Protein backbone atom coordinates (compact mmCIF):
# COMPACT_ATOMS: atom_id res chain seq x y z
CA MET A 1 -11.93 -8.32 9.86
CA CYS A 2 -13.75 -11.07 8.05
CA VAL A 3 -15.65 -14.02 9.50
CA LEU A 4 -15.12 -17.67 8.55
CA GLY A 5 -17.72 -19.63 10.46
CA ALA A 6 -17.46 -18.07 13.91
CA LYS A 7 -13.79 -17.17 13.38
CA LYS A 8 -12.66 -13.63 12.51
CA PHE A 9 -9.54 -12.93 10.49
CA THR A 10 -7.73 -9.93 9.09
CA LEU A 11 -8.37 -8.58 5.61
CA TYR A 12 -5.52 -7.68 3.26
CA ASP A 13 -5.62 -4.99 0.57
CA GLY A 14 -1.93 -4.85 -0.34
CA LEU A 15 -1.30 -1.58 1.50
CA THR A 16 -0.02 -3.09 4.74
CA ASN A 17 2.83 -5.45 5.54
CA VAL A 18 2.24 -8.78 3.79
CA ASP A 19 4.26 -10.73 6.39
CA LYS A 20 2.09 -9.44 9.22
CA PHE A 21 -1.03 -10.37 7.27
CA LEU A 22 0.24 -13.88 6.51
CA ASP A 23 1.34 -14.50 10.11
CA SER A 24 -2.01 -13.33 11.48
CA PHE A 25 -3.98 -15.22 8.82
CA GLU A 26 -2.12 -18.47 9.53
CA ARG A 27 -2.80 -18.18 13.27
CA GLU A 28 -6.51 -17.58 12.67
CA VAL A 29 -7.36 -19.96 9.80
CA PRO A 30 -6.66 -23.71 9.76
CA GLU A 31 -4.27 -24.64 6.93
CA ASP A 32 -6.84 -26.88 5.24
CA HIS A 33 -9.15 -23.82 4.90
CA CYS A 34 -6.58 -21.19 3.92
CA PHE A 35 -7.17 -21.23 0.18
CA GLN A 36 -10.95 -20.96 0.57
CA ALA A 37 -10.61 -18.18 3.15
CA LEU A 38 -8.42 -16.09 0.83
CA ASP A 39 -11.47 -15.43 -1.35
CA LEU A 40 -12.92 -13.57 1.65
CA ALA A 41 -9.74 -12.06 3.12
CA LEU A 42 -8.20 -10.41 0.07
CA ARG A 43 -9.28 -7.03 -1.31
CA GLY A 44 -8.12 -4.80 -4.14
CA THR A 45 -5.02 -5.81 -6.10
CA PRO A 46 -4.26 -8.91 -3.97
CA ALA A 47 -7.81 -10.17 -4.62
CA TRP A 48 -7.39 -9.66 -8.36
CA TRP A 49 -3.97 -11.35 -8.28
CA TRP A 50 -5.35 -14.30 -6.29
CA GLY A 51 -8.29 -14.66 -8.67
CA THR A 52 -5.97 -15.01 -11.66
CA HIS A 53 -3.41 -17.29 -9.97
CA LYS A 54 -5.31 -19.47 -7.49
CA ASP A 55 -5.32 -22.51 -9.76
CA ASN A 56 -1.50 -22.50 -9.80
CA PHE A 57 -1.08 -23.43 -6.13
CA ASP A 58 -1.31 -26.84 -4.53
CA GLU A 59 0.54 -26.08 -1.31
CA TRP A 60 0.28 -23.19 1.14
CA HIS A 61 4.05 -22.56 1.33
CA GLU A 62 4.13 -21.94 -2.45
CA TYR A 63 1.36 -19.36 -2.13
CA ARG A 64 3.04 -17.68 0.84
CA ARG A 65 6.33 -17.36 -1.08
CA MET A 66 4.61 -15.79 -4.09
CA MET A 67 2.64 -13.35 -1.93
CA ARG A 68 5.89 -12.18 -0.39
CA LEU A 69 7.41 -11.72 -3.84
CA GLN A 70 4.38 -9.87 -5.20
CA PHE A 71 3.43 -7.70 -2.22
CA GLY A 72 6.48 -7.66 0.07
CA ASN A 73 8.77 -4.68 0.48
CA GLN A 74 10.89 -4.30 -2.61
CA LYS A 75 14.53 -3.51 -1.83
CA VAL A 76 16.34 -1.60 -4.55
């Protein structure tokens, strides 16, 4: 868990289900603070990925879609 103000939210390291993380994160963090909170919530590979791509997103739904593509379950 991480704290944003007095609010706690789940951390994500890429090893758990990305959809569960995103659903939990969206319930816990107001949309206008989501991008700032990602700097605290992401660890490991997702943190590195976010650090190199954060300037490419203007809207939350675009970020959510890309997170699912990058870290979601790959079906072969």
